Amino acid sequence: FDLAFIDADKDGYVAYLEQAVALVRDGGLILADNTLRPEMLDPSGDGGAKRYNAAVTAHPALVSTVVPVLRSEGLDGLTISIKRSMP
């Protein structure tokens, strides 16, 4: 696939990421919605979006960034990852 878009139950995001990495071609995109929420700023929190961002940061095949999005409900964001080829 050229692109995978993750927007589901936040507790499953890390599992969806692993599935997406397996399916997306080198150079393809993995997008994850709702990954920059106010609860992520709580150092004691361990929500699904926080675990997802930690997983994409640590994943050797991904280069990622979070794009903040201001919505009427408040701060949110979209994590964009590019899958790179691995030797």
N, C-alpha and C. Protein backbone atom coordinates (compact mmCIF):
# COMPACT_ATOMS: atom_id res chain seq x y z
N PHE A 1 0.83 -1.17 0.00
CA PHE A 1 0.00 0.00 0.00
C PHE A 1 0.88 1.24 0.00
N ASP A 2 0.36 2.32 -0.53
CA ASP A 2 1.08 3.60 -0.52
C ASP A 2 0.84 4.36 0.77
N LEU A 3 -0.33 4.16 1.39
CA LEU A 3 -0.71 4.93 2.56
C LEU A 3 -1.61 4.11 3.46
N ALA A 4 -1.39 4.24 4.76
CA ALA A 4 -2.31 3.67 5.75
C ALA A 4 -2.74 4.79 6.68
N PHE A 5 -4.02 4.86 7.00
CA PHE A 5 -4.57 5.89 7.88
C PHE A 5 -5.15 5.20 9.10
N ILE A 6 -4.64 5.55 10.27
CA ILE A 6 -5.09 4.93 11.52
C ILE A 6 -5.97 5.92 12.26
N ASP A 7 -7.21 5.55 12.51
CA ASP A 7 -8.16 6.37 13.25
C ASP A 7 -9.18 5.42 13.87
N ALA A 8 -8.81 4.86 15.00
CA ALA A 8 -9.65 3.84 15.65
C ALA A 8 -9.48 3.96 17.16
N ASP A 9 -9.73 2.87 17.88
CA ASP A 9 -9.57 2.91 19.33
C ASP A 9 -8.10 3.14 19.66
N LYS A 10 -7.85 4.12 20.50
CA LYS A 10 -6.47 4.55 20.78
C LYS A 10 -5.64 3.45 21.43
N ASP A 11 -6.22 2.59 22.22
CA ASP A 11 -5.46 1.51 22.86
C ASP A 11 -4.91 0.52 21.84
N GLY A 12 -5.49 0.45 20.66
CA GLY A 12 -5.01 -0.46 19.63
C GLY A 12 -4.03 0.15 18.65
N TYR A 13 -3.69 1.44 18.81
CA TYR A 13 -2.86 2.13 17.83
C TYR A 13 -1.51 1.45 17.60
N VAL A 14 -0.84 0.97 18.65
CA VAL A 14 0.48 0.36 18.46
C VAL A 14 0.35 -0.92 17.64
N ALA A 15 -0.67 -1.71 17.89
CA ALA A 15 -0.89 -2.94 17.10
C ALA A 15 -1.21 -2.58 15.65
N TYR A 16 -2.00 -1.53 15.44
CA TYR A 16 -2.32 -1.10 14.08
C TYR A 16 -1.06 -0.60 13.37
N LEU A 17 -0.18 0.04 14.12
CA LEU A 17 1.08 0.51 13.55
C LEU A 17 1.89 -0.66 13.00
N GLU A 18 2.03 -1.71 13.78
CA GLU A 18 2.82 -2.86 13.33
C GLU A 18 2.22 -3.49 12.08
N GLN A 19 0.90 -3.55 12.02
CA GLN A 19 0.25 -4.08 10.83
C GLN A 19 0.48 -3.16 9.63
N ALA A 20 0.40 -1.86 9.86
CA ALA A 20 0.59 -0.89 8.78
C ALA A 20 2.02 -0.94 8.25
N VAL A 21 3.01 -1.04 9.14
CA VAL A 21 4.41 -1.11 8.70
C VAL A 21 4.61 -2.33 7.80
N ALA A 22 3.97 -3.43 8.13
CA ALA A 22 4.11 -4.65 7.33
C ALA A 22 3.46 -4.49 5.95
N LEU A 23 2.44 -3.67 5.85
CA LEU A 23 1.68 -3.55 4.60
C LEU A 23 2.10 -2.40 3.69
N VAL A 24 2.69 -1.36 4.27
CA VAL A 24 3.03 -0.17 3.49
C VAL A 24 4.40 -0.35 2.84
N ARG A 25 4.51 0.05 1.59
CA ARG A 25 5.76 -0.07 0.84
C ARG A 25 6.80 0.91 1.37
N ASP A 26 8.06 0.64 1.08
CA ASP A 26 9.11 1.60 1.39
C ASP A 26 8.79 2.92 0.69
N GLY A 27 8.88 4.02 1.42
CA GLY A 27 8.52 5.32 0.88
C GLY A 27 7.06 5.67 1.08
N GLY A 28 6.27 4.72 1.59
CA GLY A 28 4.85 4.95 1.84
C GLY A 28 4.63 5.71 3.14
N LEU A 29 3.40 6.16 3.33
CA LEU A 29 3.03 6.96 4.49
C LEU A 29 2.13 6.19 5.44
N ILE A 30 2.32 6.45 6.73
CA ILE A 30 1.40 5.98 7.76
C ILE A 30 0.96 7.21 8.53
N LEU A 31 -0.34 7.47 8.52
CA LEU A 31 -0.91 8.62 9.21
C LEU A 31 -1.74 8.13 10.38
N ALA A 32 -1.62 8.80 11.51
CA ALA A 32 -2.42 8.45 12.68
C ALA A 32 -3.08 9.70 13.23
N ASP A 33 -4.39 9.66 13.35
CA ASP A 33 -5.18 10.80 13.80
C ASP A 33 -5.27 10.82 15.32
N ASN A 34 -5.51 12.00 15.86
CA ASN A 34 -5.75 12.21 17.29
C ASN A 34 -4.55 11.82 18.15
N THR A 35 -3.35 12.23 17.76
CA THR A 35 -2.15 11.82 18.48
C THR A 35 -1.48 12.94 19.26
N LEU A 36 -2.13 14.08 19.37
CA LEU A 36 -1.59 15.17 20.18
C LEU A 36 -2.75 15.79 20.95
N ARG A 37 -3.06 15.17 22.05
CA ARG A 37 -4.18 15.62 22.88
C ARG A 37 -3.64 16.15 24.20
N PRO A 38 -4.40 17.00 24.86
CA PRO A 38 -3.91 17.58 26.12
C PRO A 38 -3.48 16.55 27.17
N GLU A 39 -4.13 15.40 27.22
CA GLU A 39 -3.76 14.39 28.22
C GLU A 39 -2.37 13.81 27.98
N MET A 40 -1.84 14.00 26.78
CA MET A 40 -0.49 13.52 26.49
C MET A 40 0.57 14.34 27.22
N LEU A 41 0.22 15.52 27.66
CA LEU A 41 1.17 16.37 28.38
C LEU A 41 1.32 15.94 29.84
N ASP A 42 0.46 15.04 30.30
CA ASP A 42 0.54 14.54 31.67
C ASP A 42 1.65 13.50 31.74
N PRO A 43 2.74 13.76 32.50
CA PRO A 43 3.86 12.83 32.54
C PRO A 43 3.49 11.46 33.11
N SER A 44 2.45 11.40 33.93
CA SER A 44 2.06 10.11 34.51
C SER A 44 1.09 9.34 33.62
N GLY A 45 0.62 9.96 32.55
CA GLY A 45 -0.35 9.30 31.68
C GLY A 45 0.28 8.23 30.81
N ASP A 46 -0.54 7.26 30.41
CA ASP A 46 -0.07 6.16 29.56
C ASP A 46 -1.15 5.79 28.55
N GLY A 47 -1.70 6.80 27.87
CA GLY A 47 -2.76 6.54 26.91
C GLY A 47 -2.25 5.95 25.62
N GLY A 48 -3.18 5.48 24.80
CA GLY A 48 -2.83 4.83 23.54
C GLY A 48 -2.09 5.74 22.58
N ALA A 49 -2.49 7.01 22.50
CA ALA A 49 -1.82 7.94 21.59
C ALA A 49 -0.39 8.20 22.06
N LYS A 50 -0.19 8.27 23.34
CA LYS A 50 1.16 8.49 23.88
C LYS A 50 2.05 7.28 23.59
N ARG A 51 1.51 6.08 23.76
CA ARG A 51 2.27 4.87 23.43
C ARG A 51 2.56 4.79 21.93
N TYR A 52 1.60 5.23 21.12
CA TYR A 52 1.79 5.22 19.67
C TYR A 52 2.94 6.14 19.28
N ASN A 53 2.95 7.36 19.77
CA ASN A 53 4.02 8.29 19.42
C ASN A 53 5.38 7.79 19.90
N ALA A 54 5.42 7.13 21.05
CA ALA A 54 6.68 6.53 21.51
C ALA A 54 7.11 5.41 20.56
N ALA A 55 6.14 4.62 20.08
CA ALA A 55 6.46 3.50 19.18
C ALA A 55 6.99 3.99 17.83
N VAL A 56 6.37 5.03 17.26
CA VAL A 56 6.86 5.51 15.96
C VAL A 56 8.22 6.18 16.11
N THR A 57 8.46 6.82 17.24
CA THR A 57 9.75 7.45 17.49
C THR A 57 10.86 6.40 17.57
N ALA A 58 10.57 5.26 18.18
CA ALA A 58 11.57 4.22 18.37
C ALA A 58 11.69 3.27 17.17
N HIS A 59 10.75 3.31 16.25
CA HIS A 59 10.75 2.34 15.15
C HIS A 59 11.85 2.65 14.15
N PRO A 60 12.75 1.70 13.88
CA PRO A 60 13.89 1.98 13.00
C PRO A 60 13.53 2.20 11.53
N ALA A 61 12.36 1.75 11.11
CA ALA A 61 11.98 1.90 9.70
C ALA A 61 11.14 3.15 9.44
N LEU A 62 10.92 3.97 10.47
CA LEU A 62 10.03 5.13 10.31
C LEU A 62 10.73 6.44 10.63
N VAL A 63 10.41 7.43 9.84
CA VAL A 63 10.77 8.82 10.13
C VAL A 63 9.45 9.53 10.33
N SER A 64 9.27 10.16 11.50
CA SER A 64 7.95 10.66 11.88
C SER A 64 7.97 12.09 12.40
N THR A 65 6.83 12.73 12.28
CA THR A 65 6.61 14.05 12.87
C THR A 65 5.15 14.16 13.28
N VAL A 66 4.89 15.02 14.24
CA VAL A 66 3.52 15.28 14.68
C VAL A 66 3.15 16.69 14.23
N VAL A 67 2.03 16.79 13.53
CA VAL A 67 1.53 18.08 13.07
C VAL A 67 0.39 18.50 13.99
N PRO A 68 0.56 19.60 14.73
CA PRO A 68 -0.53 20.04 15.60
C PRO A 68 -1.70 20.58 14.78
N VAL A 69 -2.90 20.31 15.28
CA VAL A 69 -4.12 20.77 14.63
C VAL A 69 -4.99 21.39 15.72
N LEU A 70 -5.41 22.62 15.52
CA LEU A 70 -6.29 23.27 16.48
C LEU A 70 -7.72 23.09 15.99
N ARG A 71 -8.51 22.41 16.79
CA ARG A 71 -9.92 22.18 16.46
C ARG A 71 -10.80 22.94 17.43
N SER A 72 -12.07 23.01 17.15
CA SER A 72 -12.97 23.72 18.05
C SER A 72 -12.99 23.09 19.44
N GLU A 73 -12.69 21.78 19.52
CA GLU A 73 -12.66 21.09 20.82
C GLU A 73 -11.34 21.31 21.54
N GLY A 74 -10.35 21.88 20.87
CA GLY A 74 -9.04 22.12 21.48
C GLY A 74 -7.92 21.54 20.64
N LEU A 75 -6.78 21.37 21.26
CA LEU A 75 -5.58 20.89 20.58
C LEU A 75 -5.70 19.41 20.21
N ASP A 76 -5.21 19.07 19.05
CA ASP A 76 -5.14 17.69 18.59
C ASP A 76 -3.97 17.62 17.61
N GLY A 77 -3.79 16.48 16.98
CA GLY A 77 -2.69 16.38 16.05
C GLY A 77 -2.75 15.14 15.19
N LEU A 78 -1.88 15.13 14.20
CA LEU A 78 -1.77 14.04 13.24
C LEU A 78 -0.30 13.63 13.20
N THR A 79 -0.02 12.36 13.44
CA THR A 79 1.34 11.87 13.32
C THR A 79 1.53 11.33 11.90
N ILE A 80 2.57 11.83 11.23
CA ILE A 80 2.89 11.42 9.87
C ILE A 80 4.22 10.67 9.90
N SER A 81 4.22 9.45 9.39
CA SER A 81 5.42 8.64 9.33
C SER A 81 5.69 8.20 7.90
N ILE A 82 6.94 8.25 7.52
CA ILE A 82 7.37 7.75 6.22
C ILE A 82 8.18 6.48 6.49
N LYS A 83 7.82 5.42 5.76
CA LYS A 83 8.56 4.17 5.92
C LYS A 83 9.78 4.21 5.01
N ARG A 84 10.93 4.04 5.60
CA ARG A 84 12.15 4.04 4.80
C ARG A 84 12.61 2.60 4.59
N SER A 85 13.40 2.41 3.55
CA SER A 85 13.92 1.07 3.29
C SER A 85 15.01 0.75 4.30
N MET A 86 15.04 -0.47 4.72
CA MET A 86 16.03 -0.93 5.70
C MET A 86 17.03 -1.84 5.00
N PRO A 87 18.32 -1.68 5.31
CA PRO A 87 19.33 -2.55 4.67
C PRO A 87 19.19 -3.99 5.09
